[in-house]
Amino acid sequence: MTCIVLLPGSGGGFPDIAQLKASPEDGMRIETIDYPGWKRYVSPGFRPERIVSELAAEIESRVPSGPIRIVGISMGGHFGYLVALDLQARGRDIEGLCAIDSFMVTTAAPTPGWRNRALAEFRGTLKRRKFGELQILCRSKFWRAVFRAAGDILPAVLRQARRLRWAVYIFEIDPILKRELNIRMMARECAPWLAKIDEDPTALSIRTALLRTRDHLGSDAMWQARCPNLVVYEIEGSHDTLFEAENVDSLRRALANASREWSHSTSNA
């Protein structure tokens, strides 16, 4: 059985895996691989390329033989591309890559139109009367604003904090705070590095699917430069609502179509 390796977005953590399966009877094997988190990003001598080699090694240990399919959500799509190159260099058979709404990342600064997207997210949550989610959303946006306001002093503060058990506890006791901190520090450390890679990207010559929302059609050219055998599927919703009940069927259908393309490619090889 071909194994699907799932890489999350920059905040880590995974959606309900059942949402990605074509049917409840779908027996596909999914291995979830997470990232090291903020403590690693501020450690002395950290370099983003080490994440790639470590992810590749972890995947090889989980899937020691046979073909591999990689699915990456948001930032996970970028790492999926780089890990696929690494695993190919190690002689592994990468059957396909799927990037889910992995938009162009060049800086840790807010992307254009972020205020309108945030307002739309608040309005959508209120409209659906999901008041528990609204409370989580408010906490998330609060911590995001705090970490952005901290600017360049944030890494230095975290380097001091990671040496103190009580300080680490404070940063990790709130899962929303921890997630936003992971997102912020991964973006700071990895976005400029990814931008340099895309100045002269290495072509990944396997079947690649980009499942993206209409908001991020501007990233198609970047993915086409990386992956000549690219197929783009437009999916419903926004980056923050891909896995909502009203949008997840669109995501699931696109992933199923991409998987059929990979299987067809393998059968014709």
Protein backbone atom coordinates (compact mmCIF):
# COMPACT_ATOMS: atom_id res chain seq x y z
CA MET A 1 0.00 0.00 0.00
CA THR A 2 1.27 3.44 -0.95
CA CYS A 3 1.72 5.68 2.11
CA ILE A 4 0.65 9.31 2.26
CA VAL A 5 2.87 11.50 4.42
CA LEU A 6 1.04 14.55 5.78
CA LEU A 7 2.91 17.74 6.72
CA PRO A 8 0.96 20.43 8.61
CA GLY A 9 0.92 24.19 8.41
CA SER A 10 3.43 26.27 10.34
CA GLY A 11 1.44 26.12 13.57
CA GLY A 12 1.68 22.33 13.65
CA GLY A 13 -1.16 19.99 14.48
CA PHE A 14 -3.46 18.22 12.06
CA PRO A 15 -7.08 18.29 10.91
CA ASP A 16 -9.32 15.26 11.28
CA ILE A 17 -7.62 12.73 8.99
CA ALA A 18 -11.00 11.24 8.07
CA GLN A 19 -11.79 14.52 6.27
CA LEU A 20 -9.12 13.74 3.68
CA LYS A 21 -10.37 10.27 2.83
CA ALA A 22 -12.60 9.70 -0.18
CA SER A 23 -14.97 7.52 1.90
CA PRO A 24 -15.16 5.99 5.39
CA GLU A 25 -14.00 2.72 3.82
CA ASP A 26 -10.90 4.32 2.33
CA GLY A 27 -8.03 2.36 3.87
CA MET A 28 -5.20 4.61 2.74
CA ARG A 29 -2.33 4.81 5.21
CA ILE A 30 -1.48 8.32 6.42
CA GLU A 31 1.65 9.16 8.42
CA THR A 32 1.58 12.58 10.12
CA ILE A 33 4.93 14.32 10.58
CA ASP A 34 5.08 17.46 12.76
CA TYR A 35 7.70 20.21 13.20
CA PRO A 36 10.03 20.86 16.14
CA GLY A 37 8.38 24.12 17.27
CA TRP A 38 9.52 27.52 18.51
CA LYS A 39 12.20 26.28 20.95
CA ARG A 40 14.11 24.77 18.05
CA TYR A 41 13.73 27.83 15.83
CA VAL A 42 15.50 30.04 18.39
CA SER A 43 18.20 27.53 19.32
CA PRO A 44 21.85 28.46 18.59
CA GLY A 45 22.96 27.60 15.08
CA PHE A 46 19.49 26.81 13.77
CA ARG A 47 19.22 26.70 9.98
CA PRO A 48 15.94 26.04 8.09
CA GLU A 49 17.54 23.45 5.79
CA ARG A 50 18.05 21.20 8.80
CA ILE A 51 14.28 20.85 9.10
CA VAL A 52 14.21 19.43 5.57
CA SER A 53 16.86 16.79 6.20
CA GLU A 54 15.29 15.86 9.55
CA LEU A 55 11.82 15.56 8.02
CA ALA A 56 13.23 13.38 5.25
CA ALA A 57 14.97 11.14 7.78
CA GLU A 58 11.78 10.85 9.84
CA ILE A 59 9.77 9.92 6.75
CA GLU A 60 12.30 7.24 5.81
CA SER A 61 12.07 5.77 9.30
CA ARG A 62 8.25 5.69 9.12
CA VAL A 63 8.14 4.46 5.50
CA PRO A 64 11.29 2.35 5.05
CA SER A 65 10.28 0.96 1.64
CA GLY A 66 7.87 1.52 -1.21
CA PRO A 67 6.54 4.63 -2.92
CA ILE A 68 5.65 7.76 -0.98
CA ARG A 69 3.03 10.41 -1.57
CA ILE A 70 3.45 13.74 0.21
CA VAL A 71 0.61 16.08 1.14
CA GLY A 72 1.49 19.43 2.69
CA ILE A 73 -0.94 21.96 4.14
CA SER A 74 0.02 25.65 3.75
CA MET A 75 3.69 25.88 4.84
CA GLY A 76 3.75 22.10 4.72
CA GLY A 77 3.44 22.29 0.94
CA HIS A 78 6.73 24.19 0.71
CA PHE A 79 8.46 21.71 2.98
CA GLY A 80 6.84 18.88 1.04
CA TYR A 81 8.48 20.13 -2.16
CA LEU A 82 11.90 20.37 -0.51
CA VAL A 83 11.56 17.02 1.28
CA ALA A 84 10.53 15.35 -2.00
CA LEU A 85 13.76 16.62 -3.60
CA ASP A 86 15.78 15.34 -0.62
CA LEU A 87 14.13 11.91 -0.66
CA GLN A 88 14.59 11.58 -4.41
CA ALA A 89 18.30 12.30 -3.94
CA ARG A 90 18.33 9.45 -1.40
CA GLY A 91 16.90 7.14 -4.06
CA ARG A 92 13.31 6.99 -2.79
CA ASP A 93 10.31 6.75 -5.12
CA ILE A 94 8.11 9.84 -4.66
CA GLU A 95 4.85 9.03 -6.41
CA GLY A 96 3.25 12.44 -6.03
CA LEU A 97 3.17 15.75 -4.16
CA CYS A 98 0.06 17.69 -3.20
CA ALA A 99 0.30 21.23 -1.78
CA ILE A 100 -2.88 22.50 -0.13
CA ASP A 101 -3.24 26.30 -0.37
CA SER A 102 0.53 26.80 -0.11
CA PHE A 103 0.84 30.41 -1.16
CA MET A 104 3.98 32.39 -1.93
CA VAL A 105 5.97 33.17 1.22
CA THR A 106 8.73 35.79 1.06
CA THR A 107 8.58 37.57 4.41
CA ALA A 108 7.22 37.25 7.92
CA ALA A 109 5.31 40.52 7.46
CA PRO A 110 1.50 40.37 7.05
CA THR A 111 0.40 39.62 3.50
CA PRO A 112 -1.56 42.32 1.60
CA GLY A 113 -5.26 42.41 2.44
CA TRP A 114 -4.85 40.78 5.85
CA ARG A 115 -7.25 43.20 7.55
CA ASN A 116 -10.08 42.39 5.13
CA ARG A 117 -9.43 38.66 5.51
CA ALA A 118 -9.47 38.93 9.29
CA LEU A 119 -12.75 40.86 9.24
CA ALA A 120 -14.28 38.30 6.88
CA GLU A 121 -13.15 35.53 9.21
CA PHE A 122 -14.79 37.22 12.20
CA ARG A 123 -18.00 37.88 10.26
CA GLY A 124 -18.15 34.30 8.97
CA THR A 125 -17.69 32.85 12.45
CA LEU A 126 -20.41 35.12 13.86
CA LYS A 127 -22.76 34.29 10.99
CA ARG A 128 -22.39 30.59 11.71
CA ARG A 129 -23.02 31.31 15.42
CA LYS A 130 -19.91 29.40 16.41
CA PHE A 131 -19.24 31.40 19.54
CA GLY A 132 -16.70 28.92 20.92
CA GLU A 133 -14.67 29.28 17.72
CA LEU A 134 -15.04 33.05 17.94
CA GLN A 135 -13.43 33.04 21.38
CA ILE A 136 -10.53 30.96 20.05
CA LEU A 137 -10.22 33.27 17.03
CA CYS A 138 -10.02 36.35 19.27
CA ARG A 139 -7.27 34.78 21.39
CA SER A 140 -5.39 33.75 18.26
CA LYS A 141 -5.50 37.24 16.75
CA PHE A 142 -4.52 38.80 20.09
CA TRP A 143 -1.36 36.70 20.40
CA ARG A 144 -0.55 37.22 16.73
CA ALA A 145 -0.70 40.99 17.25
CA VAL A 146 1.48 40.76 20.38
CA PHE A 147 4.19 38.75 18.63
CA ARG A 148 4.19 41.03 15.59
CA ALA A 149 4.46 44.09 17.86
CA ALA A 150 7.46 42.52 19.62
CA GLY A 151 9.33 42.65 16.32
CA ASP A 152 13.03 41.86 16.36
CA ILE A 153 13.24 41.50 20.14
CA LEU A 154 11.02 38.41 20.12
CA PRO A 155 13.77 35.87 19.23
CA ALA A 156 16.06 37.25 21.94
CA VAL A 157 13.26 37.02 24.53
CA LEU A 158 12.54 33.44 23.52
CA ARG A 159 16.20 32.45 23.67
CA GLN A 160 16.26 33.56 27.27
CA ALA A 161 12.91 31.93 28.01
CA ARG A 162 13.87 28.50 26.65
CA ARG A 163 16.56 28.24 29.34
CA LEU A 164 13.97 28.56 32.12
CA ARG A 165 11.55 25.73 32.76
CA TRP A 166 8.89 28.00 34.21
CA ALA A 167 9.10 30.35 31.21
CA VAL A 168 8.75 27.47 28.74
CA TYR A 169 5.75 26.29 30.73
CA ILE A 170 4.11 29.70 30.41
CA PHE A 171 4.65 29.78 26.65
CA GLU A 172 3.31 26.26 26.18
CA ILE A 173 0.42 25.98 28.66
CA ASP A 174 -1.94 27.87 26.33
CA PRO A 175 -2.25 25.89 23.06
CA ILE A 176 -3.40 28.98 21.15
CA LEU A 177 -0.37 30.98 22.33
CA LYS A 178 1.95 28.08 21.47
CA ARG A 179 0.47 27.69 18.00
CA GLU A 180 0.78 31.40 17.20
CA LEU A 181 4.34 31.41 18.52
CA ASN A 182 5.23 28.45 16.30
CA ILE A 183 3.70 30.21 13.30
CA ARG A 184 5.50 33.47 14.00
CA MET A 185 8.93 31.96 14.54
CA MET A 186 8.73 29.57 11.60
CA ALA A 187 7.77 32.49 9.36
CA ARG A 188 10.64 34.65 10.67
CA GLU A 189 13.23 31.91 10.17
CA CYS A 190 11.96 30.22 7.01
CA ALA A 191 10.19 32.80 4.81
CA PRO A 192 13.35 34.68 3.65
CA TRP A 193 15.09 31.33 3.06
CA LEU A 194 12.21 30.09 0.90
CA ALA A 195 12.28 33.33 -1.09
CA LYS A 196 15.96 32.74 -1.95
CA ILE A 197 15.24 29.16 -3.01
CA ASP A 198 12.60 30.41 -5.44
CA GLU A 199 15.07 32.73 -7.13
CA ASP A 200 16.43 29.63 -8.89
CA PRO A 201 14.25 26.64 -7.92
CA THR A 202 15.21 23.03 -8.56
CA ALA A 203 12.64 21.32 -10.77
CA LEU A 204 10.79 18.44 -9.15
CA SER A 205 9.91 16.10 -12.00
CA ILE A 206 6.97 14.22 -10.46
CA ARG A 207 3.22 14.62 -10.63
CA THR A 208 2.34 17.61 -8.44
CA ALA A 209 -1.07 18.95 -7.50
CA LEU A 210 -1.71 22.43 -6.13
CA LEU A 211 -5.07 22.64 -4.36
CA ARG A 212 -5.63 26.32 -3.78
CA THR A 213 -8.34 28.82 -3.02
CA ARG A 214 -9.13 31.68 -5.36
CA ASP A 215 -7.36 34.05 -2.97
CA HIS A 216 -3.98 32.52 -3.82
CA LEU A 217 -4.02 32.11 -7.59
CA GLY A 218 -1.00 34.43 -7.63
CA SER A 219 1.16 31.54 -6.40
CA ASP A 220 0.54 29.35 -9.46
CA ALA A 221 3.61 30.65 -11.32
CA MET A 222 5.90 29.90 -8.37
CA TRP A 223 4.66 26.31 -8.21
CA GLN A 224 4.93 25.87 -11.98
CA ALA A 225 8.60 26.93 -11.78
CA ARG A 226 9.20 24.37 -9.04
CA CYS A 227 7.13 21.55 -10.52
CA PRO A 228 6.83 21.32 -14.33
CA ASN A 229 4.23 18.52 -14.05
CA LEU A 230 1.82 20.68 -12.07
CA VAL A 231 -1.96 20.38 -12.07
CA VAL A 232 -3.90 23.16 -10.31
CA TYR A 233 -7.26 22.52 -8.63
CA GLU A 234 -9.27 25.47 -7.36
CA ILE A 235 -11.04 24.64 -4.10
CA GLU A 236 -13.80 26.38 -2.18
CA GLY A 237 -13.47 28.57 0.89
CA SER A 238 -10.58 30.60 2.20
CA HIS A 239 -7.25 29.64 3.72
CA ASP A 240 -8.82 29.59 7.20
CA THR A 241 -12.01 27.70 6.24
CA LEU A 242 -10.70 24.84 4.05
CA PHE A 243 -11.74 22.22 6.56
CA GLU A 244 -15.11 23.74 7.45
CA ALA A 245 -18.10 21.50 6.71
CA GLU A 246 -19.26 23.64 3.78
CA ASN A 247 -15.86 23.49 2.03
CA VAL A 248 -14.23 20.19 2.93
CA ASP A 249 -16.04 18.21 0.19
CA SER A 250 -14.34 20.40 -2.43
CA LEU A 251 -10.96 19.75 -0.83
CA ARG A 252 -11.60 16.02 -0.57
CA ARG A 253 -12.70 15.73 -4.23
CA ALA A 254 -9.63 17.61 -5.44
CA LEU A 255 -7.31 15.39 -3.38
CA ALA A 256 -9.05 12.27 -4.71
CA ASN A 257 -8.62 13.51 -8.29
CA ALA A 258 -4.94 14.21 -7.69
CA SER A 259 -4.48 10.72 -6.21
CA ARG A 260 -6.09 9.15 -9.28
CA GLU A 261 -3.65 11.07 -11.48
CA TRP A 262 -0.74 9.70 -9.46
CA SER A 263 -2.08 6.14 -9.71
CA HIS A 264 -2.63 6.52 -13.46
CA SER A 265 0.91 7.83 -13.88
CA THR A 266 2.30 4.84 -11.95
CA SER A 267 0.28 2.29 -13.92
CA ASN A 268 1.57 3.75 -17.20
CA ALA A 269 5.20 3.82 -16.05
